[in-house]
Amino acid sequence: MGTPIKDIKIPENAPNNILLDKHIEFIKTYEESNKYEYIMTEYLRMSGVYWGLTAMALMKRLDSMDKKSIMEFVQECQHDSGGYSASAQHDAHLLYTLSAIQIHALFDELEELDKEKVSNFIASLQQPDGSFYGDKWGEIDSRFSFCALASLKIMGKLDRVDVVKAVEYVIRCMNFDGGFGCTPGSESHAGQIYCCVGVLSITNSLHLINPDLLGWWLCERQLPSGGLNGRPEKLPDVCYSWWVLASLRVLGKIEWIDKDKLANFIMASQDEETGGISDRPGNMVDPFHTLFGVAGLSLLGYSRKDIEEVNPVFCLPQSVVDKYNIKIQIL
């Protein structure tokens, strides 16, 4: 007998409609609190702020957030190098630099950025083979290639790096199954695929991949529960409703999955009492999974009157991307 597929069973009493008002209250309360979970996430605070703000923007409630205090926090995290850190006194990193730029875009504050200074920081991290260090300590990951190019694209500064070499490095991370890993030879993973497909979309280089082969790998991530996993033999997780689905959207293959079953999985992962969305039904909710659950529902075209259309590369409302006339390639 074969090994049973790892999956979860959705409870019969799980919610089956989107609880937007609950999620709005959850995000607002979370950002205003100083509870244990908030204090212990200082090391990724900038991204946490971005997750919460983008969720609120997609739910059409960004105006209820305290723009002044948030922008003050963002400015406190900028270093002399031009990069941004997760919190004040932490090291500047590409992950948090992208989040800071996205926050500026959400609040219509891109013109307040010192784009020359920020782009100098990003360019300083590119290596001769086209890859990017995440920060001064030298870790290399295809996620950082995406963060670098997405940041520069939003700022209109893509010419500050060697784009050809950046694309060449990302293609070296491609595997025989059509997927991408964090470095050349690493296992294919949905999160890395999103990042690498994003780089290729930003640079009009999608012709370098086989969309059918990659699309097949991605659609095989859907399990009988309707949820998506990040790689074979793993449990489904709501966050892959973004990483997998956004990649399929860019590749023009979003119809290759059962959209209704995925929507049901996302909605079953909501907490009906506190609001918020968890990784899977019955688990603890958090802003990360709340954003990517809402963003996944947006990609599915769910309740457009209640949820803004999301851009599949930048994970920002499409209206924000359109406002700054940021163009990407979609098949």
Protein backbone atom coordinates (compact mmCIF):
# COMPACT_ATOMS: atom_id res chain seq x y z
CA MET A 1 0.00 0.00 0.00
CA GLY A 2 1.16 3.54 -0.75
CA THR A 3 1.88 6.12 1.91
CA PRO A 4 -1.26 8.14 2.78
CA ILE A 5 -1.22 11.77 1.60
CA LYS A 6 -0.47 14.19 4.43
CA ASP A 7 -3.53 16.38 4.76
CA ILE A 8 -6.04 17.74 7.26
CA LYS A 9 -9.77 17.26 7.64
CA ILE A 10 -11.85 20.41 7.63
CA PRO A 11 -14.26 20.46 10.63
CA GLU A 12 -17.93 20.36 9.69
CA ASN A 13 -18.61 23.50 11.75
CA ALA A 14 -15.78 25.53 10.18
CA PRO A 15 -16.74 28.98 8.85
CA ASN A 16 -17.65 29.05 5.16
CA ASN A 17 -17.86 32.78 4.49
CA ILE A 18 -15.28 35.57 4.78
CA LEU A 19 -15.36 37.40 8.15
CA LEU A 20 -13.95 40.73 6.99
CA ASP A 21 -15.17 42.84 9.90
CA LYS A 22 -13.56 40.40 12.35
CA HIS A 23 -10.26 40.47 10.44
CA ILE A 24 -10.22 44.26 10.33
CA GLU A 25 -10.66 44.39 14.10
CA PHE A 26 -8.02 41.67 14.60
CA ILE A 27 -5.37 43.55 12.60
CA LYS A 28 -6.15 46.89 14.22
CA THR A 29 -6.04 45.42 17.73
CA TYR A 30 -2.84 43.48 17.02
CA GLU A 31 -0.96 46.52 15.74
CA GLU A 32 -2.06 48.66 18.70
CA SER A 33 -1.22 46.09 21.38
CA ASN A 34 1.97 45.32 23.26
CA LYS A 35 1.07 41.75 24.07
CA TYR A 36 3.63 38.96 24.27
CA GLU A 37 3.29 37.84 20.64
CA TYR A 38 3.87 41.40 19.41
CA ILE A 39 6.91 41.98 21.62
CA MET A 40 8.49 38.67 20.59
CA THR A 41 8.28 39.52 16.88
CA GLU A 42 10.54 42.56 17.02
CA TYR A 43 13.04 40.80 14.75
CA LEU A 44 10.54 40.99 11.84
CA ARG A 45 8.47 44.01 12.88
CA MET A 46 8.83 45.92 9.58
CA SER A 47 7.41 43.01 7.61
CA GLY A 48 4.72 42.57 10.27
CA VAL A 49 3.64 46.17 9.78
CA TYR A 50 3.54 45.60 6.00
CA TRP A 51 1.43 42.43 6.41
CA GLY A 52 -1.10 44.22 8.58
CA LEU A 53 -1.30 47.34 6.41
CA THR A 54 -1.66 45.39 3.17
CA ALA A 55 -4.39 43.22 4.66
CA MET A 56 -6.22 46.38 5.73
CA ALA A 57 -5.72 47.95 2.30
CA LEU A 58 -7.10 44.86 0.54
CA MET A 59 -10.08 44.98 2.92
CA LYS A 60 -10.50 48.69 2.09
CA ARG A 61 -9.75 49.93 5.60
CA LEU A 62 -6.22 51.34 5.36
CA ASP A 63 -7.56 54.74 6.42
CA SER A 64 -8.23 53.37 9.92
CA MET A 65 -4.50 52.84 10.56
CA ASP A 66 -2.28 55.46 12.24
CA LYS A 67 -0.22 56.62 9.26
CA LYS A 68 1.81 59.19 11.22
CA SER A 69 3.12 56.81 13.88
CA ILE A 70 3.73 54.04 11.35
CA MET A 71 5.79 56.29 9.07
CA GLU A 72 7.75 57.51 12.09
CA PHE A 73 8.56 53.89 12.94
CA VAL A 74 9.66 53.23 9.35
CA GLN A 75 11.99 56.24 9.35
CA GLU A 76 13.52 55.14 12.67
CA CYS A 77 14.51 51.89 10.97
CA GLN A 78 16.44 53.45 8.07
CA HIS A 79 20.22 53.23 8.28
CA ASP A 80 22.89 55.57 6.95
CA SER A 81 23.53 52.92 4.28
CA GLY A 82 20.03 53.55 2.90
CA GLY A 83 18.65 50.15 3.89
CA TYR A 84 15.91 49.44 6.42
CA SER A 85 15.90 47.07 9.37
CA ALA A 86 13.13 45.09 11.06
CA SER A 87 13.20 47.43 14.07
CA ALA A 88 15.40 50.25 15.32
CA GLN A 89 18.91 49.08 16.28
CA HIS A 90 18.67 45.98 14.07
CA ASP A 91 20.80 45.45 10.93
CA ALA A 92 19.54 46.72 7.60
CA HIS A 93 18.33 43.89 5.34
CA LEU A 94 16.78 43.53 1.88
CA LEU A 95 13.70 41.79 3.33
CA TYR A 96 12.79 44.80 5.46
CA THR A 97 13.90 47.32 2.85
CA LEU A 98 11.27 45.92 0.47
CA SER A 99 8.65 46.02 3.25
CA ALA A 100 9.52 49.64 4.00
CA ILE A 101 9.20 50.58 0.31
CA GLN A 102 5.86 48.77 0.09
CA ILE A 103 4.63 50.69 3.14
CA HIS A 104 5.66 53.97 1.47
CA ALA A 105 3.70 52.93 -1.63
CA LEU A 106 0.61 51.97 0.38
CA PHE A 107 0.54 55.37 2.04
CA ASP A 108 1.29 57.25 -1.20
CA GLU A 109 4.66 58.32 0.20
CA LEU A 110 7.07 56.99 -2.45
CA GLU A 111 8.20 60.51 -3.31
CA GLU A 112 9.39 60.92 0.27
CA LEU A 113 11.94 58.13 -0.20
CA ASP A 114 15.58 59.00 -0.83
CA LYS A 115 15.55 56.63 -3.79
CA GLU A 116 19.20 57.23 -4.64
CA LYS A 117 20.29 56.28 -1.13
CA VAL A 118 18.07 53.20 -0.95
CA SER A 119 19.06 51.97 -4.40
CA ASN A 120 22.75 52.41 -3.52
CA PHE A 121 22.23 50.06 -0.58
CA ILE A 122 20.53 47.47 -2.76
CA ALA A 123 23.14 47.70 -5.53
CA SER A 124 25.96 47.25 -3.00
CA LEU A 125 24.60 43.79 -2.16
CA GLN A 126 24.72 42.35 -5.69
CA GLN A 127 27.49 39.81 -6.23
CA PRO A 128 29.54 39.13 -9.40
CA ASP A 129 27.39 36.09 -10.27
CA GLY A 130 24.23 38.21 -10.15
CA SER A 131 22.98 36.95 -6.76
CA PHE A 132 22.32 39.22 -3.78
CA TYR A 133 23.43 39.17 -0.19
CA GLY A 134 20.51 39.80 2.15
CA ASP A 135 22.68 42.08 4.27
CA LYS A 136 26.31 42.76 5.14
CA TRP A 137 26.71 39.28 6.65
CA GLY A 138 26.65 37.59 3.25
CA GLU A 139 23.76 35.10 3.17
CA ILE A 140 22.58 34.41 -0.40
CA ASP A 141 19.03 33.30 -1.24
CA SER A 142 16.81 33.72 -4.29
CA ARG A 143 14.35 35.52 -1.98
CA PHE A 144 16.88 38.33 -1.78
CA SER A 145 17.06 38.56 -5.58
CA PHE A 146 13.31 39.17 -5.58
CA CYS A 147 13.47 41.69 -2.74
CA ALA A 148 16.21 43.62 -4.55
CA LEU A 149 14.54 43.73 -7.94
CA ALA A 150 11.02 44.32 -6.59
CA SER A 151 12.31 47.24 -4.49
CA LEU A 152 14.12 48.78 -7.44
CA LYS A 153 11.18 48.25 -9.80
CA ILE A 154 8.78 50.03 -7.44
CA MET A 155 11.23 52.94 -7.15
CA GLY A 156 11.96 53.06 -10.90
CA LYS A 157 15.65 52.29 -10.27
CA LEU A 158 16.08 48.87 -11.92
CA ASP A 159 19.02 50.24 -13.91
CA ARG A 160 21.11 50.45 -10.74
CA VAL A 161 21.94 46.72 -10.85
CA ASP A 162 23.07 44.21 -13.46
CA VAL A 163 19.65 42.85 -14.41
CA VAL A 164 21.02 40.35 -16.95
CA LYS A 165 23.25 38.71 -14.34
CA ALA A 166 20.45 38.81 -11.76
CA VAL A 167 18.20 36.87 -14.15
CA GLU A 168 21.01 34.45 -15.02
CA TYR A 169 21.47 33.63 -11.34
CA VAL A 170 17.75 33.02 -10.80
CA ILE A 171 17.66 30.68 -13.81
CA ARG A 172 20.55 28.74 -12.25
CA CYS A 173 18.23 28.08 -9.29
CA MET A 174 15.77 26.27 -11.59
CA ASN A 175 15.41 22.50 -11.22
CA PHE A 176 14.51 19.63 -13.58
CA ASP A 177 10.92 19.70 -12.26
CA GLY A 178 10.48 23.30 -13.39
CA GLY A 179 10.59 24.68 -9.86
CA PHE A 180 13.16 26.87 -8.12
CA GLY A 181 15.20 26.58 -4.94
CA CYS A 182 16.89 29.10 -2.65
CA THR A 183 20.28 28.52 -4.33
CA PRO A 184 21.40 26.46 -7.37
CA GLY A 185 20.78 22.76 -6.66
CA SER A 186 18.38 23.39 -3.76
CA GLU A 187 15.00 21.66 -3.55
CA SER A 188 12.06 23.28 -5.35
CA HIS A 189 9.81 25.16 -2.95
CA ALA A 190 6.68 27.22 -3.61
CA GLY A 191 7.98 30.26 -1.74
CA GLN A 192 11.18 30.32 -3.79
CA ILE A 193 9.19 29.74 -6.97
CA TYR A 194 7.12 32.83 -6.23
CA CYS A 195 10.29 34.86 -5.74
CA CYS A 196 11.98 33.60 -8.90
CA VAL A 197 8.86 33.90 -11.04
CA GLY A 198 8.51 37.42 -9.63
CA VAL A 199 12.04 38.31 -10.74
CA LEU A 200 11.32 36.97 -14.24
CA SER A 201 8.02 38.87 -14.39
CA ILE A 202 9.65 42.12 -13.28
CA THR A 203 12.41 41.75 -15.90
CA ASN A 204 10.20 40.51 -18.78
CA SER A 205 12.06 37.19 -18.77
CA LEU A 206 9.26 34.64 -18.41
CA HIS A 207 10.22 33.19 -21.80
CA LEU A 208 13.17 31.53 -20.04
CA ILE A 209 10.95 29.01 -18.20
CA ASN A 210 8.50 26.27 -19.17
CA PRO A 211 5.15 27.52 -17.82
CA ASP A 212 3.40 24.18 -18.38
CA LEU A 213 6.02 22.20 -16.46
CA LEU A 214 6.15 24.70 -13.61
CA GLY A 215 2.38 25.14 -13.60
CA TRP A 216 1.94 21.37 -13.23
CA TRP A 217 4.32 21.28 -10.23
CA LEU A 218 2.40 24.13 -8.63
CA CYS A 219 -1.10 22.73 -9.20
CA GLU A 220 0.03 19.42 -7.69
CA ARG A 221 0.41 21.29 -4.41
CA GLN A 222 -3.36 21.17 -3.93
CA LEU A 223 -4.51 18.45 -1.52
CA PRO A 224 -7.95 16.81 -1.12
CA SER A 225 -8.80 19.34 1.63
CA GLY A 226 -8.46 22.08 -0.96
CA GLY A 227 -5.42 23.62 0.75
CA LEU A 228 -2.02 24.05 -0.88
CA ASN A 229 1.35 22.90 0.45
CA GLY A 230 4.79 24.30 -0.31
CA ARG A 231 6.39 21.05 -1.44
CA PRO A 232 5.48 17.35 -1.65
CA GLU A 233 4.58 15.45 1.53
CA LYS A 234 3.88 18.58 3.59
CA LEU A 235 0.64 19.69 5.21
CA PRO A 236 -1.41 22.45 3.55
CA ASP A 237 -0.87 26.00 4.78
CA VAL A 238 -2.91 29.12 4.05
CA CYS A 239 0.19 31.13 3.16
CA TYR A 240 0.65 28.97 0.05
CA SER A 241 -2.70 30.31 -1.11
CA TRP A 242 -0.46 33.27 -1.97
CA TRP A 243 2.90 31.78 -2.99
CA VAL A 244 1.40 29.08 -5.23
CA LEU A 245 -1.64 30.96 -6.51
CA ALA A 246 0.25 34.19 -7.31
CA SER A 247 2.80 32.17 -9.29
CA LEU A 248 0.01 30.42 -11.20
CA ARG A 249 -1.60 33.81 -11.88
CA VAL A 250 1.63 35.14 -13.43
CA LEU A 251 1.97 31.96 -15.50
CA GLY A 252 -1.64 32.14 -16.69
CA LYS A 253 -2.46 28.78 -15.06
CA ILE A 254 -4.71 29.78 -12.16
CA GLU A 255 -7.55 27.70 -13.64
CA TRP A 256 -5.49 24.55 -13.07
CA ILE A 257 -6.58 24.29 -9.43
CA ASP A 258 -9.96 23.84 -7.78
CA LYS A 259 -10.63 27.43 -6.75
CA ASP A 260 -13.79 26.71 -4.76
CA LYS A 261 -12.07 24.08 -2.62
CA LEU A 262 -9.15 26.43 -1.93
CA ALA A 263 -11.51 29.25 -0.95
CA ASN A 264 -13.27 26.88 1.46
CA PHE A 265 -9.93 25.89 3.01
CA ILE A 266 -8.96 29.54 3.57
CA MET A 267 -12.32 30.40 5.10
CA ALA A 268 -12.22 27.32 7.32
CA SER A 269 -8.93 28.66 8.76
CA GLN A 270 -10.59 31.80 10.16
CA ASP A 271 -11.22 32.34 13.88
CA GLU A 272 -14.88 33.23 14.26
CA GLU A 273 -14.35 34.77 17.71
CA THR A 274 -11.17 36.87 17.45
CA GLY A 275 -10.92 37.28 13.69
CA GLY A 276 -7.72 36.57 11.83
CA ILE A 277 -6.66 33.59 9.73
CA SER A 278 -4.32 30.75 10.75
CA ASP A 279 -2.13 28.39 8.75
CA ARG A 280 -4.85 25.72 8.83
CA PRO A 281 -8.23 25.18 10.54
CA GLY A 282 -8.09 25.22 14.35
CA ASN A 283 -4.64 26.78 14.76
CA MET A 284 -3.61 30.16 16.19
CA VAL A 285 -4.24 33.15 13.92
CA ASP A 286 -1.62 35.78 13.04
CA PRO A 287 -1.22 38.80 10.69
CA PHE A 288 1.03 36.85 8.25
CA HIS A 289 -1.58 34.21 7.44
CA THR A 290 -4.38 36.77 7.61
CA LEU A 291 -2.79 38.80 4.83
CA PHE A 292 -2.03 35.84 2.61
CA GLY A 293 -5.46 34.32 3.20
CA VAL A 294 -7.16 37.58 2.18
CA ALA A 295 -4.73 38.01 -0.74
CA GLY A 296 -5.44 34.44 -1.85
CA LEU A 297 -9.18 35.14 -1.84
CA SER A 298 -8.49 38.28 -3.89
CA LEU A 299 -6.59 36.23 -6.50
CA LEU A 300 -9.56 33.86 -6.61
CA GLY A 301 -11.78 36.83 -7.46
CA TYR A 302 -13.73 36.37 -4.25
CA SER A 303 -16.22 39.07 -3.32
CA ARG A 304 -14.62 41.87 -5.35
CA LYS A 305 -16.95 44.41 -3.76
CA ASP A 306 -15.36 43.65 -0.38
CA ILE A 307 -11.74 42.80 -1.28
CA GLU A 308 -9.46 44.86 -3.52
CA GLU A 309 -7.75 43.25 -6.50
CA VAL A 310 -4.19 42.29 -5.51
CA ASN A 311 -1.12 42.48 -7.75
CA PRO A 312 0.37 38.95 -7.99
CA VAL A 313 4.02 40.06 -7.96
CA PHE A 314 4.20 42.88 -5.40
CA CYS A 315 1.36 41.79 -3.06
CA LEU A 316 -0.03 45.31 -3.04
CA PRO A 317 -3.48 46.46 -4.14
CA GLN A 318 -3.50 46.63 -7.95
CA SER A 319 -4.72 50.22 -7.63
CA VAL A 320 -1.44 51.17 -5.90
CA VAL A 321 0.65 49.50 -8.60
CA ASP A 322 -1.40 51.22 -11.31
CA LYS A 323 -1.03 54.60 -9.62
CA TYR A 324 2.74 54.39 -9.92
CA ASN A 325 2.49 52.89 -13.43
CA ILE A 326 4.60 49.85 -12.48
CA LYS A 327 4.53 47.34 -15.33
CA ILE A 328 5.16 43.61 -15.05
CA GLN A 329 4.94 40.65 -17.42
CA ILE A 330 2.06 38.18 -17.02
CA LEU A 331 1.47 35.27 -19.38
